[in-house]
C-alpha atoms as a PDB file:
ATOM      1  CA  MET A   1      50.845  -3.459  -1.117  1.00  0.00           C
ATOM      2  CA  SER A   2      54.621  -2.323  -0.740  1.00  0.00           C
ATOM      3  CA  TYR A   3      57.585  -4.954  -1.211  1.00  0.00           C
ATOM      4  CA  ALA A   4      58.459  -3.880   2.661  1.00  0.00           C
ATOM      5  CA  SER A   5      54.592  -4.851   3.682  1.00  0.00           C
ATOM      6  CA  GLU A   6      54.770  -8.021   1.803  1.00  0.00           C
ATOM      7  CA  VAL A   7      57.805  -9.037   3.675  1.00  0.00           C
ATOM      8  CA  LYS A   8      56.162  -8.718   6.849  1.00  0.00           C
ATOM      9  CA  LYS A   9      52.906 -10.000   6.299  1.00  0.00           C
ATOM     10  CA  GLU A  10      54.904 -13.373   5.324  1.00  0.00           C
ATOM     11  CA  LEU A  11      56.706 -12.934   8.717  1.00  0.00           C
ATOM     12  CA  THR A  12      53.891 -12.503  11.063  1.00  0.00           C
ATOM     13  CA  ASN A  13      52.637 -15.875   9.290  1.00  0.00           C
ATOM     14  CA  LEU A  14      55.830 -17.865  10.382  1.00  0.00           C
ATOM     15  CA  GLU A  15      55.141 -20.455  13.118  1.00  0.00           C
ATOM     16  CA  VAL A  16      57.576 -20.456  16.184  1.00  0.00           C
ATOM     17  CA  HIS A  17      58.809 -22.313  18.726  1.00  0.00           C
ATOM     18  CA  ARG A  18      58.374 -20.664  22.633  1.00  0.00           C
ATOM     19  CA  GLU A  19      61.581 -19.839  23.193  1.00  0.00           C
ATOM     20  CA  ASN A  20      61.953 -18.399  19.481  1.00  0.00           C
ATOM     21  CA  ALA A  21      58.349 -16.375  20.139  1.00  0.00           C
ATOM     22  CA  LYS A  22      59.671 -14.833  23.128  1.00  0.00           C
ATOM     23  CA  ALA A  23      63.146 -13.236  21.660  1.00  0.00           C
ATOM     24  CA  GLU A  24      60.677 -11.966  19.019  1.00  0.00           C
ATOM     25  CA  LEU A  25      58.246 -10.828  21.449  1.00  0.00           C
ATOM     26  CA  MET A  26      61.419  -9.135  23.343  1.00  0.00           C
ATOM     27  CA  ALA A  27      62.393  -7.394  20.227  1.00  0.00           C
ATOM     28  CA  LEU A  28      58.814  -6.149  19.503  1.00  0.00           C
ATOM     29  CA  ILE A  29      57.997  -4.982  22.775  1.00  0.00           C
ATOM     30  CA  ARG A  30      61.251  -3.281  23.387  1.00  0.00           C
ATOM     31  CA  MET A  31      61.068  -1.161  20.428  1.00  0.00           C
ATOM     32  CA  ASN A  32      57.304  -0.185  19.941  1.00  0.00           C
ATOM     33  CA  GLY A  33      55.911  -1.266  23.703  1.00  0.00           C
ATOM     34  CA  THR A  34      54.720   1.559  26.117  1.00  0.00           C
ATOM     35  CA  LEU A  35      54.349   1.319  30.245  1.00  0.00           C
ATOM     36  CA  LYS A  36      52.036   3.144  31.822  1.00  0.00           C
ATOM     37  CA  ILE A  37      49.721   3.428  35.010  1.00  0.00           C
ATOM     38  CA  SER A  38      46.367   2.519  34.395  1.00  0.00           C
ATOM     39  CA  ASN A  39      43.966   2.466  37.472  1.00  0.00           C
ATOM     40  CA  GLY A  40      46.826   2.246  39.719  1.00  0.00           C
ATOM     41  CA  LYS A  41      48.416  -0.462  37.853  1.00  0.00           C
ATOM     42  CA  LEU A  42      51.063  -0.907  35.535  1.00  0.00           C
ATOM     43  CA  ALA A  43      49.703  -1.572  31.648  1.00  0.00           C
ATOM     44  CA  LEU A  44      51.577  -2.228  28.555  1.00  0.00           C
ATOM     45  CA  GLU A  45      50.842  -0.923  25.189  1.00  0.00           C
ATOM     46  CA  PHE A  46      52.186  -2.227  22.262  1.00  0.00           C
ATOM     47  CA  GLN A  47      51.267  -0.165  18.934  1.00  0.00           C
ATOM     48  CA  SER A  48      52.031  -0.243  15.527  1.00  0.00           C
ATOM     49  CA  GLU A  49      50.419   1.341  12.066  1.00  0.00           C
ATOM     50  CA  ASN A  50      50.173  -2.447  10.634  1.00  0.00           C
ATOM     51  CA  SER A  51      47.205  -4.730  11.982  1.00  0.00           C
ATOM     52  CA  ALA A  52      49.330  -8.394  10.687  1.00  0.00           C
ATOM     53  CA  ILE A  53      52.163  -6.878  13.094  1.00  0.00           C
ATOM     54  CA  SER A  54      49.858  -5.929  16.249  1.00  0.00           C
ATOM     55  CA  CYS A  55      47.671  -9.111  15.523  1.00  0.00           C
ATOM     56  CA  ARG A  56      51.347 -11.113  15.707  1.00  0.00           C
ATOM     57  CA  VAL A  57      51.766  -9.555  19.105  1.00  0.00           C
ATOM     58  CA  TYR A  58      48.559 -10.050  20.111  1.00  0.00           C
ATOM     59  CA  SER A  59      48.112 -14.201  19.335  1.00  0.00           C
ATOM     60  CA  LEU A  60      51.861 -14.672  20.832  1.00  0.00           C
ATOM     61  CA  LEU A  61      50.740 -13.208  23.923  1.00  0.00           C
ATOM     62  CA  LEU A  62      47.921 -15.188  24.150  1.00  0.00           C
ATOM     63  CA  LYS A  63      49.752 -18.105  23.350  1.00  0.00           C
ATOM     64  CA  PHE A  64      52.375 -18.130  25.427  1.00  0.00           C
ATOM     65  CA  TYR A  65      51.497 -16.177  28.311  1.00  0.00           C
ATOM     66  CA  GLN A  66      47.326 -16.967  28.684  1.00  0.00           C
ATOM     67  CA  VAL A  67      46.905 -13.444  29.114  1.00  0.00           C
ATOM     68  CA  GLU A  68      43.977 -11.377  28.005  1.00  0.00           C
ATOM     69  CA  ALA A  69      44.451  -8.426  25.955  1.00  0.00           C
ATOM     70  CA  ASN A  70      42.896  -5.603  24.768  1.00  0.00           C
ATOM     71  CA  VAL A  71      43.124  -4.727  20.448  1.00  0.00           C
ATOM     72  CA  ILE A  72      42.132  -1.067  20.101  1.00  0.00           C
ATOM     73  CA  VAL A  73      41.939   0.500  16.610  1.00  0.00           C
ATOM     74  CA  ARG A  74      42.503   4.160  16.555  1.00  0.00           C
ATOM     75  CA  ARG A  75      41.978   6.649  13.781  1.00  0.00           C
ATOM     76  CA  LYS A  76      45.088   9.004  13.696  1.00  0.00           C
ATOM     77  CA  MET A  77      44.533  12.409  12.233  1.00  0.00           C
ATOM     78  CA  LYS A  78      43.087  13.581   9.166  1.00  0.00           C
ATOM     79  CA  LEU A  79      45.968  14.007   6.778  1.00  0.00           C
ATOM     80  CA  LYS A  80      47.472  10.421   8.003  1.00  0.00           C
ATOM     81  CA  LYS A  81      45.425   7.714   6.284  1.00  0.00           C
ATOM     82  CA  ASN A  82      46.661   4.554   8.446  1.00  0.00           C
ATOM     83  CA  ASN A  83      44.991   3.736  11.748  1.00  0.00           C
ATOM     84  CA  LEU A  84      46.994   2.978  14.407  1.00  0.00           C
ATOM     85  CA  TYR A  85      46.167  -0.409  16.007  1.00  0.00           C
ATOM     86  CA  ILE A  86      47.251  -0.842  20.086  1.00  0.00           C
ATOM     87  CA  VAL A  87      47.574  -4.201  21.607  1.00  0.00           C
ATOM     88  CA  ARG A  88      46.692  -3.174  25.407  1.00  0.00           C
ATOM     89  CA  LEU A  89      47.823  -5.655  28.130  1.00  0.00           C
ATOM     90  CA  ASN A  90      46.589  -4.761  31.714  1.00  0.00           C
ATOM     91  CA  GLN A  91      47.168  -7.816  33.451  1.00  0.00           C
ATOM     92  CA  ASN A  92      50.466  -9.789  34.653  1.00  0.00           C
ATOM     93  CA  VAL A  93      52.678  -7.192  32.947  1.00  0.00           C
ATOM     94  CA  ARG A  94      55.490  -7.535  35.469  1.00  0.00           C
ATOM     95  CA  ASP A  95      55.865 -11.047  34.950  1.00  0.00           C
ATOM     96  CA  VAL A  96      55.385 -10.965  31.486  1.00  0.00           C
ATOM     97  CA  LEU A  97      58.178  -8.400  31.114  1.00  0.00           C
ATOM     98  CA  GLU A  98      60.604 -10.159  33.244  1.00  0.00           C
ATOM     99  CA  ASP A  99      60.179 -13.458  31.298  1.00  0.00           C
ATOM    100  CA  LEU A 100      60.986 -11.654  28.236  1.00  0.00           C
ATOM    101  CA  GLU A 101      64.158 -10.170  30.130  1.00  0.00           C
ATOM    102  CA  ILE A 102      63.495  -6.787  28.747  1.00  0.00           C
ATOM    103  CA  PHE A 103      62.719  -4.775  32.502  1.00  0.00           C
ATOM    104  CA  ASP A 104      64.416  -3.479  35.528  1.00  0.00           C
ATOM    105  CA  GLY A 105      61.453  -3.187  37.706  1.00  0.00           C
ATOM    106  CA  GLU A 106      60.818   0.230  36.400  1.00  0.00           C
ATOM    107  CA  LYS A 107      61.285   0.343  32.921  1.00  0.00           C
ATOM    108  CA  ILE A 108      62.081  -1.286  29.720  1.00  0.00           C
ATOM    109  CA  LEU A 109      65.620  -1.900  28.973  1.00  0.00           C
ATOM    110  CA  GLU A 110      67.195   0.404  26.347  1.00  0.00           C
ATOM    111  CA  ARG A 111      70.057  -2.717  25.591  1.00  0.00           C
ATOM    112  CA  VAL A 112      69.061  -6.250  25.687  1.00  0.00           C
ATOM    113  CA  PRO A 113      72.081  -8.203  26.895  1.00  0.00           C
ATOM    114  CA  VAL A 114      73.277 -10.305  23.824  1.00  0.00           C
ATOM    115  CA  GLU A 115      73.804 -13.340  26.083  1.00  0.00           C
ATOM    116  CA  LEU A 116      70.102 -13.803  26.947  1.00  0.00           C
ATOM    117  CA  LEU A 117      69.694 -15.098  23.130  1.00  0.00           C
ATOM    118  CA  LYS A 118      71.339 -18.142  23.774  1.00  0.00           C
ATOM    119  CA  ASN A 119      71.274 -19.762  20.240  1.00  0.00           C
ATOM    120  CA  ASP A 120      71.299 -19.105  16.822  1.00  0.00           C
ATOM    121  CA  MET A 121      67.218 -19.420  16.377  1.00  0.00           C
ATOM    122  CA  GLN A 122      66.601 -16.671  19.146  1.00  0.00           C
ATOM    123  CA  VAL A 123      69.178 -14.268  17.336  1.00  0.00           C
ATOM    124  CA  ARG A 124      67.101 -15.058  14.129  1.00  0.00           C
ATOM    125  CA  SER A 125      63.650 -14.242  15.946  1.00  0.00           C
ATOM    126  CA  TYR A 126      64.865 -11.327  17.767  1.00  0.00           C
ATOM    127  CA  LEU A 127      65.966  -9.947  14.323  1.00  0.00           C
ATOM    128  CA  ARG A 128      63.042 -10.870  12.603  1.00  0.00           C
ATOM    129  CA  GLY A 129      61.159  -9.142  15.749  1.00  0.00           C
ATOM    130  CA  ALA A 130      63.107  -5.793  15.275  1.00  0.00           C
ATOM    131  CA  PHE A 131      62.329  -5.901  11.428  1.00  0.00           C
ATOM    132  CA  LEU A 132      58.553  -6.061  12.076  1.00  0.00           C
ATOM    133  CA  ALA A 133      59.399  -3.178  14.596  1.00  0.00           C
ATOM    134  CA  GLY A 134      61.185  -0.831  12.795  1.00  0.00           C
ATOM    135  CA  GLY A 135      62.437  -2.263   9.939  1.00  0.00           C
ATOM    136  CA  SER A 136      61.722  -1.263   5.823  1.00  0.00           C
ATOM    137  CA  VAL A 137      62.994  -2.230   2.733  1.00  0.00           C
ATOM    138  CA  ASN A 138      63.366  -0.725  -0.620  1.00  0.00           C
ATOM    139  CA  ASN A 139      61.197  -2.264  -3.444  1.00  0.00           C
ATOM    140  CA  PRO A 140      64.317  -3.909  -5.504  1.00  0.00           C
ATOM    141  CA  GLU A 141      62.325  -3.158  -8.761  1.00  0.00           C
ATOM    142  CA  THR A 142      62.441   0.566  -8.511  1.00  0.00           C
ATOM    143  CA  SER A 143      65.120   1.856  -6.596  1.00  0.00           C
ATOM    144  CA  ARG A 144      68.205   1.548  -5.037  1.00  0.00           C
ATOM    145  CA  TYR A 145      69.127  -1.542  -2.415  1.00  0.00           C
ATOM    146  CA  HIS A 146      68.327  -0.956   0.814  1.00  0.00           C
ATOM    147  CA  LEU A 147      67.089  -2.364   3.936  1.00  0.00           C
ATOM    148  CA  GLU A 148      67.356  -0.637   7.548  1.00  0.00           C
ATOM    149  CA  ILE A 149      65.776  -1.079  11.232  1.00  0.00           C
ATOM    150  CA  TYR A 150      65.246   2.095  13.020  1.00  0.00           C
ATOM    151  CA  SER A 151      65.997   2.262  16.711  1.00  0.00           C
ATOM    152  CA  LEU A 152      65.534   5.037  19.376  1.00  0.00           C
ATOM    153  CA  TYR A 153      68.330   4.018  21.487  1.00  0.00           C
ATOM    154  CA  ASP A 154      72.581   3.770  20.352  1.00  0.00           C
ATOM    155  CA  ASP A 155      73.002   0.990  22.586  1.00  0.00           C
ATOM    156  CA  HIS A 156      70.164  -1.302  21.126  1.00  0.00           C
ATOM    157  CA  ASN A 157      71.269  -0.222  17.573  1.00  0.00           C
ATOM    158  CA  GLN A 158      74.429  -1.448  18.231  1.00  0.00           C
ATOM    159  CA  MET A 159      73.271  -4.697  19.297  1.00  0.00           C
ATOM    160  CA  MET A 160      71.540  -5.460  16.454  1.00  0.00           C
ATOM    161  CA  ALA A 161      74.767  -4.552  14.053  1.00  0.00           C
ATOM    162  CA  GLU A 162      76.699  -6.852  16.204  1.00  0.00           C
ATOM    163  CA  MET A 163      74.091  -9.535  15.787  1.00  0.00           C
ATOM    164  CA  MET A 164      73.702  -8.870  12.233  1.00  0.00           C
ATOM    165  CA  ASN A 165      77.037  -8.801  11.515  1.00  0.00           C
ATOM    166  CA  LYS A 166      77.521 -12.457  13.512  1.00  0.00           C
ATOM    167  CA  TYR A 167      75.979 -13.366   9.736  1.00  0.00           C
ATOM    168  CA  ASN A 168      78.664 -11.537   7.986  1.00  0.00           C
ATOM    169  CA  LEU A 169      76.257  -9.113   6.787  1.00  0.00           C
ATOM    170  CA  GLY A 170      78.256  -5.787   6.336  1.00  0.00           C
ATOM    171  CA  ALA A 171      75.450  -3.941   8.653  1.00  0.00           C
ATOM    172  CA  LYS A 172      76.416  -0.577   9.654  1.00  0.00           C
ATOM    173  CA  GLU A 173      75.182   2.181  11.926  1.00  0.00           C
ATOM    174  CA  THR A 174      74.530   5.879  11.680  1.00  0.00           C
ATOM    175  CA  ALA A 175      72.364   8.392  13.152  1.00  0.00           C
ATOM    176  CA  ARG A 176      68.701   9.189  12.018  1.00  0.00           C
ATOM    177  CA  ARG A 177      66.305  11.997  12.744  1.00  0.00           C
ATOM    178  CA  SER A 178      65.674  11.657  16.617  1.00  0.00           C
ATOM    179  CA  GLY A 179      67.017   7.391  16.683  1.00  0.00           C
ATOM    180  CA  TYR A 180      69.602   5.323  15.122  1.00  0.00           C
ATOM    181  CA  ILE A 181      69.749   3.210  12.210  1.00  0.00           C
ATOM    182  CA  VAL A 182      71.246  -0.244  11.599  1.00  0.00           C
ATOM    183  CA  TYR A 183      71.510  -0.251   7.707  1.00  0.00           C
ATOM    184  CA  ILE A 184      72.713  -3.102   4.691  1.00  0.00           C
ATOM    185  CA  LYS A 185      73.171  -1.898   1.121  1.00  0.00           C
ATOM    186  CA  GLU A 186      74.177  -4.997  -0.739  1.00  0.00           C
ATOM    187  CA  ALA A 187      71.526  -6.860  -2.697  1.00  0.00           C
ATOM    188  CA  GLU A 188      72.845 -10.049  -1.277  1.00  0.00           C
ATOM    189  CA  LYS A 189      73.472  -9.255   1.975  1.00  0.00           C
ATOM    190  CA  ILE A 190      69.778  -7.735   2.197  1.00  0.00           C
ATOM    191  CA  ALA A 191      68.703 -11.677   0.542  1.00  0.00           C
ATOM    192  CA  ASP A 192      70.694 -13.295   3.196  1.00  0.00           C
ATOM    193  CA  PHE A 193      69.358 -11.124   5.893  1.00  0.00           C
ATOM    194  CA  LEU A 194      65.579 -12.069   4.507  1.00  0.00           C
ATOM    195  CA  GLN A 195      66.292 -15.635   4.431  1.00  0.00           C
ATOM    196  CA  LEU A 196      67.737 -15.407   8.253  1.00  0.00           C
ATOM    197  CA  ILE A 197      65.085 -13.879   9.782  1.00  0.00           C
ATOM    198  CA  GLY A 198      62.297 -16.325   7.393  1.00  0.00           C
ATOM    199  CA  ALA A 199      61.239 -14.496   5.105  1.00  0.00           C
ATOM    200  CA  THR A 200      62.116 -17.047   2.349  1.00  0.00           C
ATOM    201  CA  ASN A 201      59.092 -16.220  -0.506  1.00  0.00           C
ATOM    202  CA  SER A 202      60.386 -12.799   0.073  1.00  0.00           C
ATOM    203  CA  MET A 203      63.756 -13.238  -0.416  1.00  0.00           C
ATOM    204  CA  LEU A 204      63.275 -15.222  -3.640  1.00  0.00           C
ATOM    205  CA  LYS A 205      60.926 -12.581  -5.091  1.00  0.00           C
ATOM    206  CA  PHE A 206      63.590  -9.877  -4.215  1.00  0.00           C
ATOM    207  CA  GLU A 207      66.510 -12.643  -5.943  1.00  0.00           C
ATOM    208  CA  ASP A 208      64.334 -13.159  -9.287  1.00  0.00           C
ATOM    209  CA  ILE A 209      64.285  -8.951  -9.207  1.00  0.00           C
ATOM    210  CA  ARG A 210      67.489  -8.752  -8.756  1.00  0.00           C
ATOM    211  CA  ILE A 211      69.138 -10.863 -11.206  1.00  0.00           C
ATOM    212  CA  VAL A 212      66.640  -9.688 -14.222  1.00  0.00           C
ATOM    213  CA  ARG A 213      67.583  -5.892 -13.095  1.00  0.00           C
ATOM    214  CA  ASP A 214      71.403  -6.838 -12.541  1.00  0.00           C
ATOM    215  CA  MET A 215      70.933  -8.682 -16.119  1.00  0.00           C
ATOM    216  CA  ARG A 216      69.519  -5.421 -17.603  1.00  0.00           C
ATOM    217  CA  ASN A 217      72.254  -3.295 -16.253  1.00  0.00           C
ATOM    218  CA  SER A 218      74.170  -5.416 -17.838  1.00  0.00           C
ATOM    219  CA  VAL A 219      73.171  -5.669 -21.411  1.00  0.00           C
ATOM    220  CA  ASN A 220      72.744  -1.751 -21.292  1.00  0.00           C
ATOM    221  CA  ARG A 221      76.428  -1.133 -19.956  1.00  0.00           C
ATOM    222  CA  LEU A 222      77.228  -3.433 -23.156  1.00  0.00           C
ATOM    223  CA  VAL A 223      74.923  -1.654 -25.339  1.00  0.00           C
ATOM    224  CA  ASN A 224      76.192   1.522 -24.280  1.00  0.00           C
ATOM    225  CA  CYS A 225      80.105   0.824 -24.520  1.00  0.00           C
ATOM    226  CA  GLU A 226      78.863  -0.987 -27.922  1.00  0.00           C
ATOM    227  CA  ASN A 227      77.306   2.389 -29.259  1.00  0.00           C
ATOM    228  CA  ALA A 228      80.102   4.432 -27.521  1.00  0.00           C
ATOM    229  CA  ASN A 229      82.625   2.462 -29.787  1.00  0.00           C
ATOM    230  CA  MET A 230      80.866   2.570 -33.056  1.00  0.00           C
ATOM    231  CA  ASN A 231      80.624   6.418 -32.705  1.00  0.00           C
ATOM    232  CA  LYS A 232      84.343   6.389 -31.896  1.00  0.00           C
ATOM    233  CA  VAL A 233      84.830   4.609 -35.422  1.00  0.00           C
ATOM    234  CA  ALA A 234      82.815   6.559 -37.209  1.00  0.00           C
ATOM    235  CA  ASN A 235      84.301   9.470 -35.952  1.00  0.00           C
ATOM    236  CA  ALA A 236      87.931   8.241 -36.483  1.00  0.00           C
ATOM    237  CA  SER A 237      86.671   7.357 -40.052  1.00  0.00           C
ATOM    238  CA  THR A 238      84.922  11.044 -40.513  1.00  0.00           C
ATOM    239  CA  LYS A 239      88.377  12.502 -39.944  1.00  0.00           C
ATOM    240  CA  GLN A 240      90.415  10.450 -41.990  1.00  0.00           C
ATOM    241  CA  ILE A 241      88.070  10.674 -44.707  1.00  0.00           C
ATOM    242  CA  GLU A 242      88.242  14.345 -44.962  1.00  0.00           C
ATOM    243  CA  ASN A 243      92.193  14.557 -44.169  1.00  0.00           C
ATOM    244  CA  ILE A 244      92.693  12.033 -47.206  1.00  0.00           C
ATOM    245  CA  LYS A 245      90.370  14.334 -49.466  1.00  0.00           C
ATOM    246  CA  PHE A 246      92.306  17.603 -48.203  1.00  0.00           C
ATOM    247  CA  ILE A 247      95.500  15.570 -48.859  1.00  0.00           C
ATOM    248  CA  GLU A 248      93.823  14.591 -52.349  1.00  0.00           C
ATOM    249  CA  GLU A 249      92.829  18.266 -53.327  1.00  0.00           C
ATOM    250  CA  LYS A 250      96.358  19.899 -52.163  1.00  0.00           C
ATOM    251  CA  LEU A 251      99.064  16.991 -53.342  1.00  0.00           C
ATOM    252  CA  GLY A 252      97.033  14.300 -54.699  1.00  0.00           C
ATOM    253  CA  LEU A 253      97.266  10.906 -53.495  1.00  0.00           C
ATOM    254  CA  ASP A 254      99.868   9.500 -56.039  1.00  0.00           C
ATOM    255  CA  SER A 255     102.009  12.141 -53.840  1.00  0.00           C
ATOM    256  CA  LEU A 256     102.150   9.569 -51.188  1.00  0.00           C
ATOM    257  CA  PRO A 257     104.482   6.397 -50.943  1.00  0.00           C
ATOM    258  CA  LYS A 258     102.728   3.237 -52.006  1.00  0.00           C
ATOM    259  CA  LYS A 259     101.538   1.939 -48.305  1.00  0.00           C
ATOM    260  CA  LEU A 260     100.136   5.176 -47.574  1.00  0.00           C
ATOM    261  CA  ARG A 261      98.449   5.138 -51.196  1.00  0.00           C
ATOM    262  CA  ASP A 262      97.145   1.839 -50.339  1.00  0.00           C
ATOM    263  CA  VAL A 263      95.324   2.764 -46.879  1.00  0.00           C
ATOM    264  CA  ALA A 264      94.240   5.937 -48.137  1.00  0.00           C
ATOM    265  CA  ILE A 265      92.502   4.710 -51.447  1.00  0.00           C
ATOM    266  CA  THR A 266      91.047   1.543 -49.524  1.00  0.00           C
ATOM    267  CA  ARG A 267      89.348   3.869 -46.734  1.00  0.00           C
ATOM    268  CA  MET A 268      88.015   6.602 -49.588  1.00  0.00           C
ATOM    269  CA  ASN A 269      86.522   3.298 -50.766  1.00  0.00           C
ATOM    270  CA  ASN A 270      85.076   1.363 -47.611  1.00  0.00           C
ATOM    271  CA  GLN A 271      84.525   4.489 -45.470  1.00  0.00           C
ATOM    272  CA  GLU A 272      82.392   2.339 -42.924  1.00  0.00           C
ATOM    273  CA  VAL A 273      84.484  -0.449 -42.165  1.00  0.00           C
ATOM    274  CA  SER A 274      86.724  -1.236 -38.815  1.00  0.00           C
ATOM    275  CA  LEU A 275      90.924  -1.224 -38.951  1.00  0.00           C
ATOM    276  CA  LYS A 276      90.621  -4.875 -38.398  1.00  0.00           C
ATOM    277  CA  GLU A 277      88.580  -4.978 -41.760  1.00  0.00           C
ATOM    278  CA  LEU A 278      90.526  -2.330 -43.715  1.00  0.00           C
ATOM    279  CA  GLY A 279      93.622  -4.324 -43.201  1.00  0.00           C
ATOM    280  CA  GLU A 280      92.305  -7.763 -44.401  1.00  0.00           C
ATOM    281  CA  ILE A 281      91.375  -5.939 -47.786  1.00  0.00           C
ATOM    282  CA  ILE A 282      94.146  -3.256 -47.993  1.00  0.00           C
ATOM    283  CA  PRO A 283      96.218  -4.531 -51.253  1.00  0.00           C
ATOM    284  CA  GLY A 284      99.465  -6.660 -50.556  1.00  0.00           C
ATOM    285  CA  GLY A 285      97.613  -7.442 -47.293  1.00  0.00           C
ATOM    286  CA  PRO A 286      96.384  -8.497 -44.644  1.00  0.00           C
ATOM    287  CA  ILE A 287      98.091  -6.196 -42.319  1.00  0.00           C
ATOM    288  CA  SER A 288      97.517  -6.012 -38.645  1.00  0.00           C
ATOM    289  CA  LYS A 289      95.065  -3.451 -37.226  1.00  0.00           C
ATOM    290  CA  SER A 290      98.001  -1.803 -35.715  1.00  0.00           C
ATOM    291  CA  GLY A 291     100.123  -1.575 -38.991  1.00  0.00           C
ATOM    292  CA  VAL A 292      96.502   0.222 -40.711  1.00  0.00           C
ATOM    293  CA  ASN A 293      96.507   2.694 -37.429  1.00  0.00           C
ATOM    294  CA  HIS A 294     100.254   3.542 -37.879  1.00  0.00           C
ATOM    295  CA  ARG A 295      99.378   4.491 -41.566  1.00  0.00           C
ATOM    296  CA  LEU A 296      96.336   6.335 -41.022  1.00  0.00           C
ATOM    297  CA  HIS A 297      98.463   8.263 -38.256  1.00  0.00           C
ATOM    298  CA  LYS A 298     100.996   9.295 -40.755  1.00  0.00           C
ATOM    299  CA  ILE A 299      97.872  10.283 -43.195  1.00  0.00           C
ATOM    300  CA  ASN A 300      96.597  12.467 -40.631  1.00  0.00           C
ATOM    301  CA  ASP A 301      99.931  14.120 -38.971  1.00  0.00           C
ATOM    302  CA  LEU A 302     100.923  15.019 -43.315  1.00  0.00           C
ATOM    303  CA  ALA A 303      97.354  16.372 -43.174  1.00  0.00           C
ATOM    304  CA  ASP A 304      98.015  18.942 -40.134  1.00  0.00           C
ATOM    305  CA  GLN A 305     100.977  19.716 -41.252  1.00  0.00           C
ATOM    306  CA  LEU A 306      99.726  20.900 -44.890  1.00  0.00           C
ATOM    307  CA  ARG A 307      97.106  22.895 -42.978  1.00  0.00           C
ATOM    308  CA  GLU A 308      99.576  24.279 -40.860  1.00  0.00           C
ATOM    309  CA  ASN A 309     101.838  25.378 -43.947  1.00  0.00           C
ATOM    310  CA  ALA A 310      98.988  27.076 -45.591  1.00  0.00           C
END
């Protein structure tokens, strides 16, 4: 089971109050519901490839509206593995939709007025329903951090972004294929959203994975930085040794001023130590790292001059 499926499974098991359930149904039916005429009567179909979500819609309709609905399982075409689960409501369709305030007498509204969601819990429930209907979230262990909700209509997409940003989630909008998405990229904001809609266990799992992943990345960065520094020191030391040997061959180290001669001999005898360590063991020392570096630069410059004049 994917991480997104785990989140949705947890959400479908939540118990909700009637008013909050209405907000959740409002989103589910608004996003995945279709109106049809069956035997001259208005019928409502809710479709999902997730059986738990379809069962959720069925149980909420049964519990809060006492209506009879049918659940139909339809096999999709050969190349598609998932079944399609359809909840069909044939009675009191107009009454249910009008009570959910997403029906204008002819069609399901494209945008649900925000003022209909009267309190914080209803907003959370609406976002939960929207995520169940059209949401996805990447596995934080294997992918980049990304959560999104897909909607067919721009107005509805804007409304969801407004609701999410009411909680400072940094949600953004963009067009996607034949519709629109509202999305969150920041890991902490994704965790906040999961908690907001009631997926507490999934949020804790997300945070555990995120903390381990971020720690691992931090360790890798430190190791890479340390390796880069070690390579830098090794390369600098190799160049210094080559220059000191070149000067010794062309002029002899005794020709160098005492301070340069001391650092040259000490470097030759201690090729793997850092500049700081070199400064602590140099005769007449200790001297600072910058002091050692200054003297070695003079040696390097002298070697370059000898090569130019050769």
